[in-house]
Structures are given as structure tokens and as C-alpha cells.
Amino acid sequence: MRPIDLFPAMTSVSHAHRGVAWEQLAEQQIGVYRRAGWYCLRQHPPVRIQHGYAATIIGSAACDWVISRGPTTVVLDLKSYNGPRWPLEQIKGHQADHLDAATRADLIAGIALLIDGVAWWLPWPALGTVWHRWERGTAARGECSLDAAQLQAVGARCAGVDWLAVAVR
């Protein structure tokens, strides 16, 4: 299974739309997983349709994706950020609750992060420990956001955008 390459030229992706671009690239990678026999379910927040066309989000969704094949199930949320340090505040409480529940159920859970053109898989058992310290207000200095060395300590870089290969190894 060959991973989709990361953005060929990151400079062509506007900073305002980098999250959208990451989601679109992730959708392409999901297609690779589907063709390889993985079941991939995208989860959306509940919405209310107004005036026939406009949708308003009225609740919070679980994590972005559930990907499963045989006994292996991965629950993940996609995140992206432009800058040298990724702020933990990007993970909302309801997302952490879902990642905690998936971990307790012995599923593989984590964050697929794109930061400054590099894709990372951050497994929730390691990242969640750091996030919960931050959420409780007991994070050490420098733990409210993570730089490349801290990301490496809790996770792993991905080849292209193939976070699944890293998550299941």
C-alpha cells in the first residue's frame, strides 16, 4: 500500500485553508485504505438544516474517523497547525473523552497531525497523558504546546500521510 505523498508544494496551500487541504489529502489516503480492504467511517457532528440549505452544527461529534479491518480498529482525529509548536488546546474535551473511551476499549486511538508540512501519528495513550496534565492545569513549563522533539517523544513521523501504517505497527 503506497501512501499518498504529502503536499507536493506546501507553499501553494494557503495558511487559512491548510486544515481543509489536510482533510482533503486525508480523504485521498482513506481511499487508499478502503482499496486495501479497510472499513473507514467518517463521523460528522449533528447539524440542523435551516432555510433549506444552511446547516448549523448543534452538537459535537466523536473523533473524525473509525478505521477497521479484522481485529484492528483505529479511532483518530485529524488536526493541522502552522507553526513550530502544536498547541494542545486544539484537542477539545469531548474529543479527549472519545479518545479515552477508545483506549479503554483496547482500540488504537490517536491524533493524525499535520504541522509545518510534516505528518505525525500521536497515539492517545502517550499524548493523552500530556493533554490531561495540561487540561488539569498541572502541565510543566513547555507542555502546553509541543515542538518536534516533544512530538517525537509521544509519537512518530509518517511517510507521506500514511498514519495508519504507523498507528498499527
N, C-alpha and C. Protein backbone atom coordinates (compact mmCIF):
# COMPACT_ATOMS: atom_id res chain seq x y z
N MET A 1 0.86 -1.17 0.00
CA MET A 1 0.00 0.00 0.00
C MET A 1 0.90 1.23 0.00
N ARG A 2 0.90 2.00 -1.08
CA ARG A 2 1.74 3.19 -1.19
C ARG A 2 0.99 4.40 -0.64
N PRO A 3 1.60 5.12 0.30
CA PRO A 3 0.93 6.28 0.86
C PRO A 3 0.85 7.43 -0.14
N ILE A 4 -0.17 8.24 0.02
CA ILE A 4 -0.29 9.47 -0.75
C ILE A 4 0.84 10.39 -0.30
N ASP A 5 1.52 11.04 -1.25
CA ASP A 5 2.58 11.98 -0.89
C ASP A 5 1.99 13.19 -0.17
N LEU A 6 2.79 13.74 0.72
CA LEU A 6 2.40 14.97 1.38
C LEU A 6 2.35 16.07 0.34
N PHE A 7 1.77 17.19 0.67
CA PHE A 7 1.62 18.28 -0.28
C PHE A 7 2.88 18.43 -1.12
N PRO A 8 2.77 18.35 -2.44
CA PRO A 8 3.96 18.47 -3.29
C PRO A 8 4.66 19.82 -3.09
N ALA A 9 3.90 20.87 -2.91
CA ALA A 9 4.50 22.19 -2.68
C ALA A 9 3.67 22.88 -1.61
N MET A 10 4.14 22.79 -0.38
CA MET A 10 3.38 23.37 0.73
C MET A 10 3.12 24.85 0.53
N THR A 11 3.97 25.54 -0.20
CA THR A 11 3.79 26.98 -0.38
C THR A 11 2.52 27.28 -1.18
N SER A 12 2.00 26.31 -1.93
CA SER A 12 0.80 26.56 -2.72
C SER A 12 -0.48 26.41 -1.89
N VAL A 13 -0.37 25.97 -0.68
CA VAL A 13 -1.54 25.80 0.19
C VAL A 13 -1.60 27.00 1.13
N SER A 14 -2.68 27.76 1.05
CA SER A 14 -2.78 28.95 1.90
C SER A 14 -2.87 28.53 3.36
N HIS A 15 -2.34 29.38 4.23
CA HIS A 15 -2.40 29.08 5.66
C HIS A 15 -3.83 29.02 6.16
N ALA A 16 -4.69 29.85 5.60
CA ALA A 16 -6.09 29.87 6.04
C ALA A 16 -6.81 28.58 5.69
N HIS A 17 -6.36 27.89 4.64
CA HIS A 17 -7.06 26.69 4.19
C HIS A 17 -6.25 25.42 4.39
N ARG A 18 -5.17 25.49 5.18
CA ARG A 18 -4.33 24.31 5.36
C ARG A 18 -5.12 23.16 6.01
N GLY A 19 -6.00 23.46 6.97
CA GLY A 19 -6.80 22.42 7.58
C GLY A 19 -7.70 21.73 6.58
N VAL A 20 -8.31 22.52 5.68
CA VAL A 20 -9.15 21.95 4.63
C VAL A 20 -8.30 21.09 3.70
N ALA A 21 -7.13 21.59 3.33
CA ALA A 21 -6.24 20.83 2.46
C ALA A 21 -5.83 19.52 3.12
N TRP A 22 -5.54 19.54 4.42
CA TRP A 22 -5.17 18.34 5.16
C TRP A 22 -6.32 17.34 5.14
N GLU A 23 -7.55 17.83 5.36
CA GLU A 23 -8.71 16.93 5.33
C GLU A 23 -8.89 16.32 3.94
N GLN A 24 -8.69 17.11 2.89
CA GLN A 24 -8.82 16.59 1.53
C GLN A 24 -7.75 15.55 1.24
N LEU A 25 -6.54 15.81 1.66
CA LEU A 25 -5.46 14.85 1.48
C LEU A 25 -5.73 13.58 2.29
N ALA A 26 -6.24 13.75 3.49
CA ALA A 26 -6.60 12.60 4.32
C ALA A 26 -7.69 11.77 3.64
N GLU A 27 -8.65 12.43 3.01
CA GLU A 27 -9.70 11.70 2.27
C GLU A 27 -9.09 10.85 1.16
N GLN A 28 -8.08 11.37 0.48
CA GLN A 28 -7.40 10.59 -0.56
C GLN A 28 -6.72 9.37 0.06
N GLN A 29 -6.07 9.57 1.21
CA GLN A 29 -5.40 8.46 1.87
C GLN A 29 -6.42 7.43 2.35
N ILE A 30 -7.56 7.90 2.82
CA ILE A 30 -8.63 6.98 3.23
C ILE A 30 -9.04 6.11 2.04
N GLY A 31 -9.07 6.68 0.85
CA GLY A 31 -9.37 5.90 -0.35
C GLY A 31 -8.37 4.77 -0.56
N VAL A 32 -7.10 5.04 -0.27
CA VAL A 32 -6.06 4.01 -0.35
C VAL A 32 -6.38 2.90 0.66
N TYR A 33 -6.76 3.28 1.87
CA TYR A 33 -7.09 2.28 2.90
C TYR A 33 -8.31 1.46 2.48
N ARG A 34 -9.33 2.13 1.96
CA ARG A 34 -10.54 1.40 1.52
C ARG A 34 -10.19 0.38 0.44
N ARG A 35 -9.38 0.79 -0.52
CA ARG A 35 -9.00 -0.14 -1.59
C ARG A 35 -8.18 -1.31 -1.05
N ALA A 36 -7.53 -1.12 0.09
CA ALA A 36 -6.74 -2.19 0.72
C ALA A 36 -7.61 -3.05 1.65
N GLY A 37 -8.92 -2.79 1.68
CA GLY A 37 -9.83 -3.63 2.45
C GLY A 37 -10.20 -3.12 3.83
N TRP A 38 -9.83 -1.90 4.17
CA TRP A 38 -10.19 -1.32 5.47
C TRP A 38 -11.58 -0.71 5.39
N TYR A 39 -12.34 -0.86 6.47
CA TYR A 39 -13.63 -0.18 6.63
C TYR A 39 -13.33 1.19 7.23
N CYS A 40 -13.79 2.25 6.57
CA CYS A 40 -13.47 3.61 7.01
C CYS A 40 -14.77 4.40 7.17
N LEU A 41 -15.03 4.86 8.37
CA LEU A 41 -16.25 5.60 8.68
C LEU A 41 -15.90 7.01 9.12
N ARG A 42 -16.39 8.00 8.38
CA ARG A 42 -16.20 9.42 8.73
C ARG A 42 -17.36 9.82 9.63
N GLN A 43 -17.03 10.43 10.74
CA GLN A 43 -18.05 10.85 11.70
C GLN A 43 -18.21 12.36 11.62
N HIS A 44 -19.45 12.81 11.53
CA HIS A 44 -19.74 14.23 11.42
C HIS A 44 -20.55 14.68 12.64
N PRO A 45 -20.41 15.95 13.03
CA PRO A 45 -21.24 16.45 14.13
C PRO A 45 -22.69 16.56 13.69
N PRO A 46 -23.62 16.47 14.63
CA PRO A 46 -25.03 16.65 14.26
C PRO A 46 -25.28 18.09 13.80
N VAL A 47 -26.12 18.23 12.79
CA VAL A 47 -26.43 19.56 12.26
C VAL A 47 -27.94 19.74 12.14
N ARG A 48 -28.35 21.00 12.06
CA ARG A 48 -29.74 21.34 11.80
C ARG A 48 -29.73 22.13 10.49
N ILE A 49 -30.58 21.73 9.56
CA ILE A 49 -30.69 22.43 8.29
C ILE A 49 -31.64 23.61 8.48
N GLN A 50 -31.19 24.78 8.05
CA GLN A 50 -32.01 25.98 8.17
C GLN A 50 -32.27 26.55 6.79
N HIS A 51 -33.46 26.98 6.55
CA HIS A 51 -33.84 27.64 5.30
C HIS A 51 -33.48 26.80 4.08
N GLY A 52 -33.54 25.49 4.22
CA GLY A 52 -33.34 24.62 3.09
C GLY A 52 -31.91 24.29 2.72
N TYR A 53 -30.96 25.20 3.00
CA TYR A 53 -29.59 24.96 2.54
C TYR A 53 -28.54 25.10 3.64
N ALA A 54 -28.69 26.07 4.49
CA ALA A 54 -27.67 26.34 5.50
C ALA A 54 -27.76 25.31 6.63
N ALA A 55 -26.61 24.82 7.05
CA ALA A 55 -26.56 23.86 8.15
C ALA A 55 -25.85 24.51 9.34
N THR A 56 -26.39 24.29 10.51
CA THR A 56 -25.79 24.78 11.74
C THR A 56 -25.41 23.59 12.59
N ILE A 57 -24.16 23.56 13.04
CA ILE A 57 -23.72 22.49 13.92
C ILE A 57 -24.42 22.67 15.26
N ILE A 58 -25.06 21.61 15.76
CA ILE A 58 -25.82 21.72 17.01
C ILE A 58 -25.27 20.81 18.11
N GLY A 59 -24.16 20.18 17.86
CA GLY A 59 -23.58 19.31 18.87
C GLY A 59 -22.14 19.01 18.50
N SER A 60 -21.56 18.11 19.23
CA SER A 60 -20.18 17.74 18.94
C SER A 60 -20.13 16.30 18.45
N ALA A 61 -19.20 16.06 17.56
CA ALA A 61 -19.04 14.71 17.00
C ALA A 61 -18.00 13.95 17.80
N ALA A 62 -18.01 12.68 17.59
CA ALA A 62 -16.91 11.87 18.10
C ALA A 62 -15.68 12.20 17.24
N CYS A 63 -14.66 11.42 17.32
CA CYS A 63 -13.46 11.66 16.53
C CYS A 63 -13.78 11.53 15.04
N ASP A 64 -12.91 12.09 14.20
CA ASP A 64 -13.17 12.19 12.76
C ASP A 64 -13.37 10.85 12.06
N TRP A 65 -12.54 9.85 12.38
CA TRP A 65 -12.55 8.60 11.64
C TRP A 65 -12.48 7.38 12.55
N VAL A 66 -13.18 6.33 12.11
CA VAL A 66 -13.02 4.98 12.66
C VAL A 66 -12.62 4.11 11.47
N ILE A 67 -11.48 3.45 11.58
CA ILE A 67 -10.93 2.64 10.50
C ILE A 67 -10.70 1.24 11.06
N SER A 68 -11.25 0.22 10.39
CA SER A 68 -11.21 -1.12 10.96
C SER A 68 -11.03 -2.18 9.88
N ARG A 69 -10.28 -3.22 10.25
CA ARG A 69 -10.15 -4.42 9.42
C ARG A 69 -9.79 -5.56 10.36
N GLY A 70 -10.60 -6.61 10.32
CA GLY A 70 -10.36 -7.75 11.21
C GLY A 70 -10.40 -7.30 12.66
N PRO A 71 -9.45 -7.73 13.46
CA PRO A 71 -9.45 -7.37 14.88
C PRO A 71 -8.87 -5.99 15.18
N THR A 72 -8.44 -5.26 14.14
CA THR A 72 -7.77 -3.97 14.35
C THR A 72 -8.71 -2.81 14.06
N THR A 73 -8.89 -1.94 15.05
CA THR A 73 -9.71 -0.74 14.87
C THR A 73 -8.91 0.47 15.35
N VAL A 74 -8.89 1.50 14.50
CA VAL A 74 -8.20 2.74 14.80
C VAL A 74 -9.23 3.86 14.86
N VAL A 75 -9.19 4.64 15.93
CA VAL A 75 -10.05 5.81 16.10
C VAL A 75 -9.13 7.02 16.09
N LEU A 76 -9.41 7.99 15.22
CA LEU A 76 -8.49 9.13 15.14
C LEU A 76 -9.21 10.43 14.86
N ASP A 77 -8.54 11.49 15.22
CA ASP A 77 -8.98 12.83 14.89
C ASP A 77 -7.88 13.49 14.08
N LEU A 78 -8.25 14.24 13.06
CA LEU A 78 -7.30 14.97 12.23
C LEU A 78 -7.10 16.37 12.78
N LYS A 79 -5.86 16.78 12.88
CA LYS A 79 -5.52 18.13 13.33
C LYS A 79 -4.43 18.67 12.42
N SER A 80 -4.42 19.99 12.25
CA SER A 80 -3.33 20.62 11.50
C SER A 80 -3.00 21.95 12.16
N TYR A 81 -1.75 22.36 11.96
CA TYR A 81 -1.29 23.61 12.56
C TYR A 81 -0.10 24.14 11.79
N ASN A 82 -0.01 25.45 11.71
CA ASN A 82 1.13 26.08 11.06
C ASN A 82 1.94 26.80 12.13
N GLY A 83 3.11 26.32 12.41
CA GLY A 83 3.96 26.93 13.43
C GLY A 83 4.87 25.88 14.02
N PRO A 84 5.87 26.30 14.76
CA PRO A 84 6.86 25.35 15.28
C PRO A 84 6.36 24.54 16.49
N ARG A 85 5.28 24.99 17.15
CA ARG A 85 4.77 24.28 18.33
C ARG A 85 3.28 24.06 18.17
N TRP A 86 2.83 22.84 18.41
CA TRP A 86 1.42 22.49 18.28
C TRP A 86 0.72 22.69 19.62
N PRO A 87 -0.29 23.59 19.69
CA PRO A 87 -0.97 23.84 20.96
C PRO A 87 -1.97 22.73 21.31
N LEU A 88 -1.87 22.24 22.53
CA LEU A 88 -2.77 21.18 22.99
C LEU A 88 -4.22 21.64 23.06
N GLU A 89 -4.45 22.94 23.10
CA GLU A 89 -5.82 23.45 23.15
C GLU A 89 -6.60 23.11 21.89
N GLN A 90 -5.93 22.62 20.85
CA GLN A 90 -6.65 22.18 19.65
C GLN A 90 -7.48 20.92 19.92
N ILE A 91 -7.14 20.18 20.95
CA ILE A 91 -7.93 18.99 21.31
C ILE A 91 -9.00 19.44 22.29
N LYS A 92 -10.25 19.27 21.91
CA LYS A 92 -11.37 19.67 22.77
C LYS A 92 -11.69 18.53 23.75
N GLY A 93 -12.33 18.90 24.84
CA GLY A 93 -12.67 17.93 25.88
C GLY A 93 -13.47 16.75 25.38
N HIS A 94 -14.47 17.00 24.52
CA HIS A 94 -15.28 15.89 24.03
C HIS A 94 -14.45 14.95 23.14
N GLN A 95 -13.46 15.49 22.44
CA GLN A 95 -12.59 14.64 21.63
C GLN A 95 -11.70 13.78 22.53
N ALA A 96 -11.18 14.39 23.57
CA ALA A 96 -10.37 13.62 24.53
C ALA A 96 -11.21 12.52 25.18
N ASP A 97 -12.46 12.82 25.49
CA ASP A 97 -13.35 11.80 26.08
C ASP A 97 -13.50 10.61 25.14
N HIS A 98 -13.69 10.87 23.85
CA HIS A 98 -13.82 9.77 22.88
C HIS A 98 -12.52 8.99 22.73
N LEU A 99 -11.39 9.69 22.70
CA LEU A 99 -10.10 9.01 22.60
C LEU A 99 -9.82 8.18 23.86
N ASP A 100 -10.19 8.72 25.03
CA ASP A 100 -10.05 7.96 26.28
C ASP A 100 -10.90 6.69 26.23
N ALA A 101 -12.16 6.83 25.78
CA ALA A 101 -13.07 5.67 25.72
C ALA A 101 -12.54 4.62 24.74
N ALA A 102 -12.04 5.06 23.59
CA ALA A 102 -11.50 4.12 22.62
C ALA A 102 -10.28 3.39 23.20
N THR A 103 -9.44 4.11 23.92
CA THR A 103 -8.27 3.50 24.54
C THR A 103 -8.69 2.48 25.60
N ARG A 104 -9.68 2.83 26.42
CA ARG A 104 -10.18 1.88 27.44
C ARG A 104 -10.77 0.63 26.80
N ALA A 105 -11.31 0.77 25.58
CA ALA A 105 -11.89 -0.37 24.86
C ALA A 105 -10.82 -1.16 24.09
N ASP A 106 -9.56 -0.86 24.35
CA ASP A 106 -8.42 -1.52 23.70
C ASP A 106 -8.41 -1.31 22.19
N LEU A 107 -8.90 -0.16 21.73
CA LEU A 107 -8.77 0.22 20.34
C LEU A 107 -7.51 1.08 20.20
N ILE A 108 -7.02 1.21 19.01
CA ILE A 108 -5.90 2.11 18.74
C ILE A 108 -6.50 3.49 18.56
N ALA A 109 -6.05 4.45 19.35
CA ALA A 109 -6.63 5.79 19.31
C ALA A 109 -5.51 6.82 19.23
N GLY A 110 -5.77 7.90 18.49
CA GLY A 110 -4.75 8.93 18.41
C GLY A 110 -5.14 10.09 17.52
N ILE A 111 -4.15 10.95 17.32
CA ILE A 111 -4.29 12.15 16.51
C ILE A 111 -3.39 12.01 15.29
N ALA A 112 -3.95 12.28 14.10
CA ALA A 112 -3.16 12.39 12.88
C ALA A 112 -2.95 13.89 12.68
N LEU A 113 -1.73 14.34 12.89
CA LEU A 113 -1.41 15.76 12.90
C LEU A 113 -0.55 16.14 11.71
N LEU A 114 -0.90 17.27 11.09
CA LEU A 114 -0.03 17.89 10.09
C LEU A 114 0.45 19.19 10.69
N ILE A 115 1.76 19.32 10.87
CA ILE A 115 2.33 20.55 11.40
C ILE A 115 3.52 20.94 10.53
N ASP A 116 3.44 22.13 9.98
CA ASP A 116 4.51 22.65 9.11
C ASP A 116 4.93 21.67 8.02
N GLY A 117 3.95 21.04 7.39
CA GLY A 117 4.24 20.15 6.27
C GLY A 117 4.70 18.76 6.63
N VAL A 118 4.68 18.41 7.91
CA VAL A 118 5.09 17.07 8.35
C VAL A 118 3.90 16.39 9.01
N ALA A 119 3.62 15.16 8.61
CA ALA A 119 2.52 14.39 9.19
C ALA A 119 3.05 13.53 10.34
N TRP A 120 2.27 13.47 11.40
CA TRP A 120 2.63 12.70 12.60
C TRP A 120 1.46 11.82 13.02
N TRP A 121 1.77 10.67 13.61
CA TRP A 121 0.78 9.87 14.32
C TRP A 121 1.12 10.02 15.80
N LEU A 122 0.14 10.49 16.58
CA LEU A 122 0.32 10.69 18.02
C LEU A 122 -0.64 9.78 18.76
N PRO A 123 -0.16 8.63 19.25
CA PRO A 123 -1.05 7.69 19.94
C PRO A 123 -1.59 8.31 21.23
N TRP A 124 -2.88 8.11 21.46
CA TRP A 124 -3.53 8.74 22.60
C TRP A 124 -2.99 8.27 23.95
N PRO A 125 -2.61 7.02 24.13
CA PRO A 125 -2.09 6.67 25.46
C PRO A 125 -0.91 7.56 25.88
N ALA A 126 -0.04 7.93 24.96
CA ALA A 126 1.08 8.81 25.30
C ALA A 126 0.66 10.28 25.28
N LEU A 127 -0.01 10.70 24.21
CA LEU A 127 -0.42 12.10 24.10
C LEU A 127 -1.47 12.46 25.14
N GLY A 128 -2.37 11.54 25.42
CA GLY A 128 -3.42 11.80 26.40
C GLY A 128 -2.88 12.12 27.78
N THR A 129 -1.80 11.48 28.16
CA THR A 129 -1.17 11.77 29.46
C THR A 129 -0.74 13.23 29.51
N VAL A 130 -0.12 13.71 28.44
CA VAL A 130 0.32 15.11 28.37
C VAL A 130 -0.89 16.03 28.33
N TRP A 131 -1.90 15.68 27.49
CA TRP A 131 -3.09 16.53 27.36
C TRP A 131 -3.82 16.64 28.69
N HIS A 132 -3.98 15.54 29.42
CA HIS A 132 -4.71 15.59 30.70
C HIS A 132 -3.97 16.44 31.73
N ARG A 133 -2.64 16.41 31.73
CA ARG A 133 -1.88 17.31 32.61
C ARG A 133 -2.17 18.76 32.25
N TRP A 134 -2.16 19.05 30.96
CA TRP A 134 -2.45 20.42 30.50
C TRP A 134 -3.88 20.82 30.89
N GLU A 135 -4.82 19.93 30.66
CA GLU A 135 -6.24 20.22 30.93
C GLU A 135 -6.48 20.47 32.42
N ARG A 136 -5.76 19.75 33.28
CA ARG A 136 -5.89 19.93 34.74
C ARG A 136 -5.13 21.16 35.23
N GLY A 137 -4.31 21.75 34.37
CA GLY A 137 -3.50 22.90 34.77
C GLY A 137 -2.23 22.53 35.49
N THR A 138 -1.80 21.27 35.36
CA THR A 138 -0.58 20.82 36.04
C THR A 138 0.56 20.54 35.05
N ALA A 139 0.43 21.03 33.82
CA ALA A 139 1.48 20.81 32.81
C ALA A 139 2.74 21.57 33.21
N ALA A 140 3.87 20.97 32.95
CA ALA A 140 5.15 21.64 33.20
C ALA A 140 5.35 22.74 32.17
N ARG A 141 6.26 23.63 32.46
CA ARG A 141 6.59 24.69 31.50
C ARG A 141 6.99 24.05 30.17
N GLY A 142 6.41 24.54 29.09
CA GLY A 142 6.70 24.00 27.76
C GLY A 142 5.81 22.85 27.36
N GLU A 143 4.87 22.43 28.22
CA GLU A 143 3.99 21.32 27.89
C GLU A 143 2.60 21.75 27.42
N CYS A 144 2.36 23.04 27.26
CA CYS A 144 1.06 23.49 26.76
C CYS A 144 1.01 23.41 25.24
N SER A 145 2.16 23.31 24.64
CA SER A 145 2.29 23.10 23.21
C SER A 145 3.52 22.21 23.00
N LEU A 146 3.54 21.51 21.88
CA LEU A 146 4.60 20.54 21.66
C LEU A 146 5.42 20.90 20.42
N ASP A 147 6.74 20.86 20.56
CA ASP A 147 7.63 21.07 19.42
C ASP A 147 7.97 19.71 18.80
N ALA A 148 8.80 19.71 17.77
CA ALA A 148 9.13 18.47 17.06
C ALA A 148 9.73 17.41 17.97
N ALA A 149 10.61 17.80 18.89
CA ALA A 149 11.22 16.82 19.80
C ALA A 149 10.17 16.22 20.72
N GLN A 150 9.24 17.05 21.21
CA GLN A 150 8.18 16.54 22.08
C GLN A 150 7.21 15.66 21.30
N LEU A 151 6.92 16.03 20.05
CA LEU A 151 6.06 15.19 19.22
C LEU A 151 6.72 13.83 19.00
N GLN A 152 8.02 13.83 18.76
CA GLN A 152 8.75 12.58 18.56
C GLN A 152 8.72 11.73 19.83
N ALA A 153 8.71 12.36 20.98
CA ALA A 153 8.69 11.63 22.25
C ALA A 153 7.36 10.91 22.47
N VAL A 154 6.27 11.47 21.95
CA VAL A 154 4.96 10.84 22.16
C VAL A 154 4.43 10.13 20.93
N GLY A 155 5.03 10.38 19.76
CA GLY A 155 4.50 9.80 18.54
C GLY A 155 5.58 9.50 17.53
N ALA A 156 5.19 9.50 16.25
CA ALA A 156 6.14 9.18 15.18
C ALA A 156 5.74 9.91 13.91
N ARG A 157 6.75 10.29 13.13
CA ARG A 157 6.51 10.90 11.83
C ARG A 157 5.97 9.84 10.87
N CYS A 158 5.19 10.29 9.92
CA CYS A 158 4.59 9.39 8.94
C CYS A 158 5.28 9.53 7.60
N ALA A 159 5.24 8.46 6.81
CA ALA A 159 5.69 8.52 5.42
C ALA A 159 4.54 9.12 4.62
N GLY A 160 4.76 10.28 4.03
CA GLY A 160 3.66 10.96 3.35
C GLY A 160 2.57 11.25 4.36
N VAL A 161 1.37 10.79 4.07
CA VAL A 161 0.26 10.97 5.01
C VAL A 161 -0.25 9.65 5.57
N ASP A 162 0.54 8.60 5.47
CA ASP A 162 0.11 7.27 5.88
C ASP A 162 0.23 7.07 7.38
N TRP A 163 -0.73 7.63 8.13
CA TRP A 163 -0.69 7.49 9.58
C TRP A 163 -1.09 6.08 10.02
N LEU A 164 -1.87 5.38 9.20
CA LEU A 164 -2.33 4.05 9.59
C LEU A 164 -1.16 3.07 9.74
N ALA A 165 -0.20 3.15 8.83
CA ALA A 165 0.98 2.26 8.92
C ALA A 165 1.72 2.46 10.23
N VAL A 166 1.78 3.70 10.70
CA VAL A 166 2.46 3.99 11.97
C VAL A 166 1.57 3.56 13.13
N ALA A 167 0.29 3.82 13.03
CA ALA A 167 -0.63 3.51 14.14
C ALA A 167 -0.70 2.02 14.45
N VAL A 168 -0.66 1.17 13.43
CA VAL A 168 -0.88 -0.27 13.65
C VAL A 168 0.41 -1.07 13.85
N ARG A 169 1.57 -0.41 13.78
CA ARG A 169 2.81 -1.20 13.96
C ARG A 169 3.09 -1.47 15.41
